[in-house]
Amino acid sequence: MLVGLLNLVFSIVIFLVKVASWLLLVYVVMSLILPQNKYTLLVGKYVEPVLTPFRAWLNRVFPKLGQLRVDLSPLFAWLVMDVAIWVLELLKRILL
């Protein structure tokens, strides 16, 4: 019973992180193609709060990136989500 519940919880969390990762990718592509579209702005309301800490960290660690006008925060956020998925799947295999 507990193993089944734990399996369900891990599966749901992994699924939600994967959905967030895809949503981030959709936002990046939409913001490049249609930056002022209402759907881009709608998705941006949910994605931008996730990207803000990554931008602050990148500006602190690499201050010259701000001069290049290149936003690498989606790349780092996607990388963190990918590592989180990997760790969650590893924990799921170890514990179950």
PDB file of N, CA and C in Angstrom:
ATOM      1  N   MET A   1       0.823  -1.199   0.000  1.00  0.00           N
ATOM      2  CA  MET A   1       0.000   0.000   0.000  1.00  0.00           C
ATOM      3  C   MET A   1       0.865   1.260   0.000  1.00  0.00           C
ATOM      4  N   LEU A   2       1.850   1.311   0.907  1.00  0.00           N
ATOM      5  CA  LEU A   2       2.724   2.475   1.000  1.00  0.00           C
ATOM      6  C   LEU A   2       3.614   2.601  -0.236  1.00  0.00           C
ATOM      7  N   VAL A   3       4.060   1.455  -0.754  1.00  0.00           N
ATOM      8  CA  VAL A   3       4.907   1.473  -1.947  1.00  0.00           C
ATOM      9  C   VAL A   3       4.120   2.000  -3.145  1.00  0.00           C
ATOM     10  N   GLY A   4       2.871   1.579  -3.264  1.00  0.00           N
ATOM     11  CA  GLY A   4       2.033   2.069  -4.354  1.00  0.00           C
ATOM     12  C   GLY A   4       1.774   3.558  -4.258  1.00  0.00           C
ATOM     13  N   LEU A   5       1.555   4.048  -3.046  1.00  0.00           N
ATOM     14  CA  LEU A   5       1.330   5.478  -2.842  1.00  0.00           C
ATOM     15  C   LEU A   5       2.596   6.278  -3.148  1.00  0.00           C
ATOM     16  N   LEU A   6       3.734   5.765  -2.703  1.00  0.00           N
ATOM     17  CA  LEU A   6       5.003   6.441  -2.969  1.00  0.00           C
ATOM     18  C   LEU A   6       5.300   6.462  -4.469  1.00  0.00           C
ATOM     19  N   ASN A   7       4.996   5.360  -5.138  1.00  0.00           N
ATOM     20  CA  ASN A   7       5.172   5.291  -6.590  1.00  0.00           C
ATOM     21  C   ASN A   7       4.292   6.329  -7.280  1.00  0.00           C
ATOM     22  N   LEU A   8       3.058   6.468  -6.831  1.00  0.00           N
ATOM     23  CA  LEU A   8       2.140   7.449  -7.406  1.00  0.00           C
ATOM     24  C   LEU A   8       2.646   8.878  -7.187  1.00  0.00           C
ATOM     25  N   VAL A   9       3.124   9.169  -5.991  1.00  0.00           N
ATOM     26  CA  VAL A   9       3.625  10.514  -5.680  1.00  0.00           C
ATOM     27  C   VAL A   9       4.834  10.847  -6.549  1.00  0.00           C
ATOM     28  N   PHE A  10       5.782   9.901  -6.650  1.00  0.00           N
ATOM     29  CA  PHE A  10       6.951  10.140  -7.498  1.00  0.00           C
ATOM     30  C   PHE A  10       6.536  10.346  -8.952  1.00  0.00           C
ATOM     31  N   SER A  11       5.607   9.538  -9.440  1.00  0.00           N
ATOM     32  CA  SER A  11       5.168   9.655 -10.834  1.00  0.00           C
ATOM     33  C   SER A  11       4.505  11.004 -11.091  1.00  0.00           C
ATOM     34  N   ILE A  12       3.698  11.474 -10.157  1.00  0.00           N
ATOM     35  CA  ILE A  12       3.025  12.762 -10.324  1.00  0.00           C
ATOM     36  C   ILE A  12       4.037  13.910 -10.306  1.00  0.00           C
ATOM     37  N   VAL A  13       4.974  13.875  -9.384  1.00  0.00           N
ATOM     38  CA  VAL A  13       5.970  14.957  -9.300  1.00  0.00           C
ATOM     39  C   VAL A  13       6.850  14.972 -10.550  1.00  0.00           C
ATOM     40  N   ILE A  14       7.273  13.803 -11.014  1.00  0.00           N
ATOM     41  CA  ILE A  14       8.083  13.732 -12.232  1.00  0.00           C
ATOM     42  C   ILE A  14       7.287  14.263 -13.416  1.00  0.00           C
ATOM     43  N   PHE A  15       6.020  13.896 -13.510  1.00  0.00           N
ATOM     44  CA  PHE A  15       5.172  14.385 -14.603  1.00  0.00           C
ATOM     45  C   PHE A  15       5.042  15.904 -14.552  1.00  0.00           C
ATOM     46  N   LEU A  16       4.842  16.475 -13.375  1.00  0.00           N
ATOM     47  CA  LEU A  16       4.677  17.924 -13.253  1.00  0.00           C
ATOM     48  C   LEU A  16       5.958  18.676 -13.622  1.00  0.00           C
ATOM     49  N   VAL A  17       7.101  18.132 -13.251  1.00  0.00           N
ATOM     50  CA  VAL A  17       8.368  18.785 -13.619  1.00  0.00           C
ATOM     51  C   VAL A  17       8.584  18.691 -15.124  1.00  0.00           C
ATOM     52  N   LYS A  18       8.203  17.563 -15.729  1.00  0.00           N
ATOM     53  CA  LYS A  18       8.315  17.439 -17.188  1.00  0.00           C
ATOM     54  C   LYS A  18       7.381  18.423 -17.897  1.00  0.00           C
ATOM     55  N   VAL A  19       6.174  18.595 -17.379  1.00  0.00           N
ATOM     56  CA  VAL A  19       5.239  19.562 -17.964  1.00  0.00           C
ATOM     57  C   VAL A  19       5.805  20.977 -17.843  1.00  0.00           C
ATOM     58  N   ALA A  20       6.394  21.291 -16.692  1.00  0.00           N
ATOM     59  CA  ALA A  20       6.996  22.619 -16.509  1.00  0.00           C
ATOM     60  C   ALA A  20       8.161  22.820 -17.474  1.00  0.00           C
ATOM     61  N   SER A  21       8.920  21.770 -17.709  1.00  0.00           N
ATOM     62  CA  SER A  21      10.037  21.853 -18.644  1.00  0.00           C
ATOM     63  C   SER A  21       9.537  22.124 -20.062  1.00  0.00           C
ATOM     64  N   TRP A  22       8.484  21.431 -20.476  1.00  0.00           N
ATOM     65  CA  TRP A  22       7.909  21.666 -21.801  1.00  0.00           C
ATOM     66  C   TRP A  22       7.281  23.052 -21.895  1.00  0.00           C
ATOM     67  N   LEU A  23       6.649  23.500 -20.818  1.00  0.00           N
ATOM     68  CA  LEU A  23       6.057  24.833 -20.803  1.00  0.00           C
ATOM     69  C   LEU A  23       7.134  25.906 -20.962  1.00  0.00           C
ATOM     70  N   LEU A  24       8.265  25.681 -20.353  1.00  0.00           N
ATOM     71  CA  LEU A  24       9.398  26.603 -20.494  1.00  0.00           C
ATOM     72  C   LEU A  24       9.868  26.638 -21.945  1.00  0.00           C
ATOM     73  N   LEU A  25       9.976  25.484 -22.574  1.00  0.00           N
ATOM     74  CA  LEU A  25      10.392  25.429 -23.974  1.00  0.00           C
ATOM     75  C   LEU A  25       9.390  26.139 -24.876  1.00  0.00           C
ATOM     76  N   VAL A  26       8.115  25.918 -24.634  1.00  0.00           N
ATOM     77  CA  VAL A  26       7.073  26.582 -25.421  1.00  0.00           C
ATOM     78  C   VAL A  26       7.157  28.094 -25.247  1.00  0.00           C
ATOM     79  N   TYR A  27       7.388  28.540 -24.024  1.00  0.00           N
ATOM     80  CA  TYR A  27       7.493  29.977 -23.767  1.00  0.00           C
ATOM     81  C   TYR A  27       8.683  30.595 -24.505  1.00  0.00           C
ATOM     82  N   VAL A  28       9.807  29.909 -24.483  1.00  0.00           N
ATOM     83  CA  VAL A  28      11.001  30.446 -25.154  1.00  0.00           C
ATOM     84  C   VAL A  28      10.754  30.568 -26.651  1.00  0.00           C
ATOM     85  N   VAL A  29      10.189  29.537 -27.249  1.00  0.00           N
ATOM     86  CA  VAL A  29       9.926  29.580 -28.694  1.00  0.00           C
ATOM     87  C   VAL A  29       8.884  30.652 -29.016  1.00  0.00           C
ATOM     88  N   MET A  30       7.825  30.722 -28.220  1.00  0.00           N
ATOM     89  CA  MET A  30       6.784  31.724 -28.476  1.00  0.00           C
ATOM     90  C   MET A  30       7.312  33.144 -28.300  1.00  0.00           C
ATOM     91  N   SER A  31       8.173  33.353 -27.311  1.00  0.00           N
ATOM     92  CA  SER A  31       8.686  34.706 -27.088  1.00  0.00           C
ATOM     93  C   SER A  31       9.659  35.126 -28.184  1.00  0.00           C
ATOM     94  N   LEU A  32      10.264  34.160 -28.878  1.00  0.00           N
ATOM     95  CA  LEU A  32      11.125  34.509 -30.005  1.00  0.00           C
ATOM     96  C   LEU A  32      10.312  34.820 -31.259  1.00  0.00           C
ATOM     97  N   ILE A  33       9.232  34.088 -31.442  1.00  0.00           N
ATOM     98  CA  ILE A  33       8.441  34.245 -32.664  1.00  0.00           C
ATOM     99  C   ILE A  33       7.397  35.351 -32.517  1.00  0.00           C
ATOM    100  N   LEU A  34       6.622  35.304 -31.439  1.00  0.00           N
ATOM    101  CA  LEU A  34       5.534  36.267 -31.210  1.00  0.00           C
ATOM    102  C   LEU A  34       5.656  36.855 -29.799  1.00  0.00           C
ATOM    103  N   PRO A  35       6.545  37.813 -29.600  1.00  0.00           N
ATOM    104  CA  PRO A  35       6.798  38.291 -28.239  1.00  0.00           C
ATOM    105  C   PRO A  35       5.630  39.002 -27.567  1.00  0.00           C
ATOM    106  N   GLN A  36       4.760  39.656 -28.302  1.00  0.00           N
ATOM    107  CA  GLN A  36       3.657  40.408 -27.697  1.00  0.00           C
ATOM    108  C   GLN A  36       2.297  39.739 -27.885  1.00  0.00           C
ATOM    109  N   ASN A  37       2.305  38.464 -28.206  1.00  0.00           N
ATOM    110  CA  ASN A  37       1.060  37.727 -28.363  1.00  0.00           C
ATOM    111  C   ASN A  37       0.414  37.519 -26.995  1.00  0.00           C
ATOM    112  N   LYS A  38      -0.912  37.454 -26.953  1.00  0.00           N
ATOM    113  CA  LYS A  38      -1.579  37.304 -25.661  1.00  0.00           C
ATOM    114  C   LYS A  38      -1.294  35.946 -25.032  1.00  0.00           C
ATOM    115  N   TYR A  39      -1.082  34.916 -25.842  1.00  0.00           N
ATOM    116  CA  TYR A  39      -0.768  33.599 -25.294  1.00  0.00           C
ATOM    117  C   TYR A  39       0.657  33.547 -24.753  1.00  0.00           C
ATOM    118  N   THR A  40       1.564  34.241 -25.415  1.00  0.00           N
ATOM    119  CA  THR A  40       2.937  34.332 -24.907  1.00  0.00           C
ATOM    120  C   THR A  40       2.945  35.042 -23.561  1.00  0.00           C
ATOM    121  N   LEU A  41       2.177  36.112 -23.455  1.00  0.00           N
ATOM    122  CA  LEU A  41       2.107  36.840 -22.193  1.00  0.00           C
ATOM    123  C   LEU A  41       1.438  36.013 -21.099  1.00  0.00           C
ATOM    124  N   LEU A  42       0.452  35.202 -21.478  1.00  0.00           N
ATOM    125  CA  LEU A  42      -0.217  34.336 -20.515  1.00  0.00           C
ATOM    126  C   LEU A  42       0.738  33.276 -19.972  1.00  0.00           C
ATOM    127  N   VAL A  43       1.467  32.625 -20.851  1.00  0.00           N
ATOM    128  CA  VAL A  43       2.439  31.616 -20.412  1.00  0.00           C
ATOM    129  C   VAL A  43       3.568  32.295 -19.630  1.00  0.00           C
ATOM    130  N   GLY A  44       3.936  33.498 -20.054  1.00  0.00           N
ATOM    131  CA  GLY A  44       4.986  34.236 -19.367  1.00  0.00           C
ATOM    132  C   GLY A  44       4.646  34.579 -17.927  1.00  0.00           C
ATOM    133  N   LYS A  45       3.354  34.743 -17.630  1.00  0.00           N
ATOM    134  CA  LYS A  45       2.962  35.024 -16.247  1.00  0.00           C
ATOM    135  C   LYS A  45       3.338  33.873 -15.320  1.00  0.00           C
ATOM    136  N   TYR A  46       3.373  32.666 -15.847  1.00  0.00           N
ATOM    137  CA  TYR A  46       3.698  31.502 -15.026  1.00  0.00           C
ATOM    138  C   TYR A  46       5.173  31.132 -15.097  1.00  0.00           C
ATOM    139  N   VAL A  47       5.830  31.446 -16.201  1.00  0.00           N
ATOM    140  CA  VAL A  47       7.224  31.053 -16.388  1.00  0.00           C
ATOM    141  C   VAL A  47       8.190  32.098 -15.828  1.00  0.00           C
ATOM    142  N   GLU A  48       7.858  33.364 -15.968  1.00  0.00           N
ATOM    143  CA  GLU A  48       8.769  34.429 -15.543  1.00  0.00           C
ATOM    144  C   GLU A  48       9.122  34.381 -14.046  1.00  0.00           C
ATOM    145  N   PRO A  49       8.191  34.059 -13.134  1.00  0.00           N
ATOM    146  CA  PRO A  49       8.607  33.949 -11.728  1.00  0.00           C
ATOM    147  C   PRO A  49       9.635  32.844 -11.475  1.00  0.00           C
ATOM    148  N   VAL A  50       9.657  31.844 -12.330  1.00  0.00           N
ATOM    149  CA  VAL A  50      10.666  30.784 -12.205  1.00  0.00           C
ATOM    150  C   VAL A  50      12.001  31.266 -12.754  1.00  0.00           C
ATOM    151  N   LEU A  51      11.963  32.066 -13.802  1.00  0.00           N
ATOM    152  CA  LEU A  51      13.194  32.525 -14.440  1.00  0.00           C
ATOM    153  C   LEU A  51      13.872  33.669 -13.683  1.00  0.00           C
ATOM    154  N   THR A  52      13.129  34.430 -12.910  1.00  0.00           N
ATOM    155  CA  THR A  52      13.689  35.592 -12.213  1.00  0.00           C
ATOM    156  C   THR A  52      14.851  35.246 -11.286  1.00  0.00           C
ATOM    157  N   PRO A  53      14.771  34.215 -10.437  1.00  0.00           N
ATOM    158  CA  PRO A  53      15.947  33.890  -9.598  1.00  0.00           C
ATOM    159  C   PRO A  53      17.154  33.451 -10.408  1.00  0.00           C
ATOM    160  N   PHE A  54      16.924  32.769 -11.533  1.00  0.00           N
ATOM    161  CA  PHE A  54      18.044  32.371 -12.381  1.00  0.00           C
ATOM    162  C   PHE A  54      18.705  33.585 -13.017  1.00  0.00           C
ATOM    163  N   ARG A  55      17.905  34.569 -13.430  1.00  0.00           N
ATOM    164  CA  ARG A  55      18.469  35.803 -13.988  1.00  0.00           C
ATOM    165  C   ARG A  55      19.303  36.549 -12.953  1.00  0.00           C
ATOM    166  N   ALA A  56      18.776  36.635 -11.733  1.00  0.00           N
ATOM    167  CA  ALA A  56      19.510  37.339 -10.670  1.00  0.00           C
ATOM    168  C   ALA A  56      20.824  36.635 -10.377  1.00  0.00           C
ATOM    169  N   TRP A  57      20.791  35.313 -10.317  1.00  0.00           N
ATOM    170  CA  TRP A  57      22.018  34.556 -10.044  1.00  0.00           C
ATOM    171  C   TRP A  57      23.021  34.724 -11.182  1.00  0.00           C
ATOM    172  N   LEU A  58      22.550  34.642 -12.423  1.00  0.00           N
ATOM    173  CA  LEU A  58      23.452  34.795 -13.567  1.00  0.00           C
ATOM    174  C   LEU A  58      24.041  36.199 -13.625  1.00  0.00           C
ATOM    175  N   ASN A  59      23.253  37.221 -13.300  1.00  0.00           N
ATOM    176  CA  ASN A  59      23.781  38.590 -13.301  1.00  0.00           C
ATOM    177  C   ASN A  59      24.811  38.796 -12.201  1.00  0.00           C
ATOM    178  N   ARG A  60      24.644  38.091 -11.087  1.00  0.00           N
ATOM    179  CA  ARG A  60      25.615  38.184 -10.004  1.00  0.00           C
ATOM    180  C   ARG A  60      26.903  37.446 -10.342  1.00  0.00           C
ATOM    181  N   VAL A  61      26.783  36.269 -10.913  1.00  0.00           N
ATOM    182  CA  VAL A  61      27.955  35.439 -11.199  1.00  0.00           C
ATOM    183  C   VAL A  61      28.668  35.901 -12.469  1.00  0.00           C
ATOM    184  N   PHE A  62      27.909  36.226 -13.493  1.00  0.00           N
ATOM    185  CA  PHE A  62      28.471  36.660 -14.775  1.00  0.00           C
ATOM    186  C   PHE A  62      27.918  38.031 -15.139  1.00  0.00           C
ATOM    187  N   PRO A  63      28.469  39.099 -14.578  1.00  0.00           N
ATOM    188  CA  PRO A  63      27.900  40.432 -14.827  1.00  0.00           C
ATOM    189  C   PRO A  63      28.036  40.896 -16.279  1.00  0.00           C
ATOM    190  N   LYS A  64      28.973  40.365 -17.020  1.00  0.00           N
ATOM    191  CA  LYS A  64      29.159  40.784 -18.419  1.00  0.00           C
ATOM    192  C   LYS A  64      28.057  40.245 -19.338  1.00  0.00           C
ATOM    193  N   LEU A  65      27.314  39.236 -18.905  1.00  0.00           N
ATOM    194  CA  LEU A  65      26.236  38.698 -19.745  1.00  0.00           C
ATOM    195  C   LEU A  65      25.141  39.720 -19.983  1.00  0.00           C
ATOM    196  N   GLY A  66      24.942  40.626 -19.043  1.00  0.00           N
ATOM    197  CA  GLY A  66      23.928  41.662 -19.218  1.00  0.00           C
ATOM    198  C   GLY A  66      24.239  42.587 -20.379  1.00  0.00           C
ATOM    199  N   GLN A  67      25.511  42.773 -20.661  1.00  0.00           N
ATOM    200  CA  GLN A  67      25.909  43.630 -21.773  1.00  0.00           C
ATOM    201  C   GLN A  67      25.688  42.956 -23.119  1.00  0.00           C
ATOM    202  N   LEU A  68      25.692  41.643 -23.137  1.00  0.00           N
ATOM    203  CA  LEU A  68      25.498  40.913 -24.384  1.00  0.00           C
ATOM    204  C   LEU A  68      24.034  40.846 -24.803  1.00  0.00           C
ATOM    205  N   ARG A  69      23.139  41.159 -23.884  1.00  0.00           N
ATOM    206  CA  ARG A  69      21.700  41.122 -24.131  1.00  0.00           C
ATOM    207  C   ARG A  69      21.237  39.730 -24.539  1.00  0.00           C
ATOM    208  N   VAL A  70      21.874  38.719 -23.930  1.00  0.00           N
ATOM    209  CA  VAL A  70      21.489  37.337 -24.153  1.00  0.00           C
ATOM    210  C   VAL A  70      20.975  36.793 -22.826  1.00  0.00           C
ATOM    211  N   ASP A  71      19.769  36.256 -22.845  1.00  0.00           N
ATOM    212  CA  ASP A  71      19.162  35.723 -21.627  1.00  0.00           C
ATOM    213  C   ASP A  71      19.373  34.218 -21.588  1.00  0.00           C
ATOM    214  N   LEU A  72      20.246  33.776 -20.714  1.00  0.00           N
ATOM    215  CA  LEU A  72      20.529  32.354 -20.573  1.00  0.00           C
ATOM    216  C   LEU A  72      19.754  31.711 -19.430  1.00  0.00           C
ATOM    217  N   SER A  73      18.885  32.475 -18.778  1.00  0.00           N
ATOM    218  CA  SER A  73      18.144  31.925 -17.642  1.00  0.00           C
ATOM    219  C   SER A  73      17.231  30.763 -18.029  1.00  0.00           C
ATOM    220  N   PRO A  74      16.579  30.762 -19.206  1.00  0.00           N
ATOM    221  CA  PRO A  74      15.785  29.572 -19.551  1.00  0.00           C
ATOM    222  C   PRO A  74      16.636  28.320 -19.708  1.00  0.00           C
ATOM    223  N   LEU A  75      17.838  28.489 -20.224  1.00  0.00           N
ATOM    224  CA  LEU A  75      18.730  27.341 -20.376  1.00  0.00           C
ATOM    225  C   LEU A  75      19.098  26.758 -19.013  1.00  0.00           C
ATOM    226  N   PHE A  76      19.443  27.607 -18.066  1.00  0.00           N
ATOM    227  CA  PHE A  76      19.796  27.129 -16.730  1.00  0.00           C
ATOM    228  C   PHE A  76      18.580  26.550 -16.008  1.00  0.00           C
ATOM    229  N   ALA A  77      17.416  27.167 -16.186  1.00  0.00           N
ATOM    230  CA  ALA A  77      16.201  26.631 -15.561  1.00  0.00           C
ATOM    231  C   ALA A  77      15.873  25.255 -16.130  1.00  0.00           C
ATOM    232  N   TRP A  78      15.997  25.104 -17.450  1.00  0.00           N
ATOM    233  CA  TRP A  78      15.736  23.815 -18.072  1.00  0.00           C
ATOM    234  C   TRP A  78      16.742  22.772 -17.581  1.00  0.00           C
ATOM    235  N   LEU A  79      17.989  23.180 -17.427  1.00  0.00           N
ATOM    236  CA  LEU A  79      19.012  22.265 -16.933  1.00  0.00           C
ATOM    237  C   LEU A  79      18.703  21.813 -15.509  1.00  0.00           C
ATOM    238  N   VAL A  80      18.280  22.721 -14.661  1.00  0.00           N
ATOM    239  CA  VAL A  80      17.908  22.366 -13.285  1.00  0.00           C
ATOM    240  C   VAL A  80      16.710  21.431 -13.279  1.00  0.00           C
ATOM    241  N   MET A  81      15.730  21.697 -14.137  1.00  0.00           N
ATOM    242  CA  MET A  81      14.563  20.804 -14.206  1.00  0.00           C
ATOM    243  C   MET A  81      14.957  19.421 -14.701  1.00  0.00           C
ATOM    244  N   ASP A  82      15.866  19.368 -15.675  1.00  0.00           N
ATOM    245  CA  ASP A  82      16.311  18.082 -16.197  1.00  0.00           C
ATOM    246  C   ASP A  82      17.060  17.284 -15.132  1.00  0.00           C
ATOM    247  N   VAL A  83      17.897  17.950 -14.368  1.00  0.00           N
ATOM    248  CA  VAL A  83      18.606  17.278 -13.270  1.00  0.00           C
ATOM    249  C   VAL A  83      17.620  16.838 -12.197  1.00  0.00           C
ATOM    250  N   ALA A  84      16.611  17.650 -11.923  1.00  0.00           N
ATOM    251  CA  ALA A  84      15.595  17.276 -10.930  1.00  0.00           C
ATOM    252  C   ALA A  84      14.836  16.028 -11.373  1.00  0.00           C
ATOM    253  N   ILE A  85      14.501  15.950 -12.652  1.00  0.00           N
ATOM    254  CA  ILE A  85      13.828  14.755 -13.167  1.00  0.00           C
ATOM    255  C   ILE A  85      14.725  13.540 -13.011  1.00  0.00           C
ATOM    256  N   TRP A  86      15.986  13.702 -13.346  1.00  0.00           N
ATOM    257  CA  TRP A  86      16.936  12.596 -13.239  1.00  0.00           C
ATOM    258  C   TRP A  86      17.061  12.118 -11.791  1.00  0.00           C
ATOM    259  N   VAL A  87      17.168  13.054 -10.853  1.00  0.00           N
ATOM    260  CA  VAL A  87      17.301  12.695  -9.432  1.00  0.00           C
ATOM    261  C   VAL A  87      16.024  12.025  -8.926  1.00  0.00           C
ATOM    262  N   LEU A  88      14.872  12.549  -9.306  1.00  0.00           N
ATOM    263  CA  LEU A  88      13.608  11.950  -8.873  1.00  0.00           C
ATOM    264  C   LEU A  88      13.441  10.534  -9.415  1.00  0.00           C
ATOM    265  N   GLU A  89      13.788  10.329 -10.679  1.00  0.00           N
ATOM    266  CA  GLU A  89      13.698   8.978 -11.238  1.00  0.00           C
ATOM    267  C   GLU A  89      14.686   8.031 -10.575  1.00  0.00           C
ATOM    268  N   LEU A  90      15.859   8.536 -10.243  1.00  0.00           N
ATOM    269  CA  LEU A  90      16.855   7.720  -9.539  1.00  0.00           C
ATOM    270  C   LEU A  90      16.362   7.351  -8.143  1.00  0.00           C
ATOM    271  N   LEU A  91      15.808   8.317  -7.426  1.00  0.00           N
ATOM    272  CA  LEU A  91      15.251   8.038  -6.101  1.00  0.00           C
ATOM    273  C   LEU A  91      14.087   7.056  -6.176  1.00  0.00           C
ATOM    274  N   LYS A  92      13.279   7.199  -7.212  1.00  0.00           N
ATOM    275  CA  LYS A  92      12.148   6.292  -7.383  1.00  0.00           C
ATOM    276  C   LYS A  92      12.645   4.858  -7.583  1.00  0.00           C
ATOM    277  N   ARG A  93      13.695   4.700  -8.391  1.00  0.00           N
ATOM    278  CA  ARG A  93      14.234   3.355  -8.605  1.00  0.00           C
ATOM    279  C   ARG A  93      14.897   2.795  -7.348  1.00  0.00           C
ATOM    280  N   ILE A  94      15.550   3.648  -6.582  1.00  0.00           N
ATOM    281  CA  ILE A  94      16.241   3.177  -5.369  1.00  0.00           C
ATOM    282  C   ILE A  94      15.243   2.799  -4.290  1.00  0.00           C
ATOM    283  N   LEU A  95      14.245   3.635  -4.090  1.00  0.00           N
ATOM    284  CA  LEU A  95      13.304   3.408  -2.993  1.00  0.00           C
ATOM    285  C   LEU A  95      12.246   2.377  -3.309  1.00  0.00           C
ATOM    286  N   LEU A  96      11.947   2.189  -4.571  1.00  0.00           N
ATOM    287  CA  LEU A  96      10.861   1.247  -4.902  1.00  0.00           C
ATOM    288  C   LEU A  96      11.428   0.020  -5.497  1.00  0.00           C
TER     289      LEU A  96
END
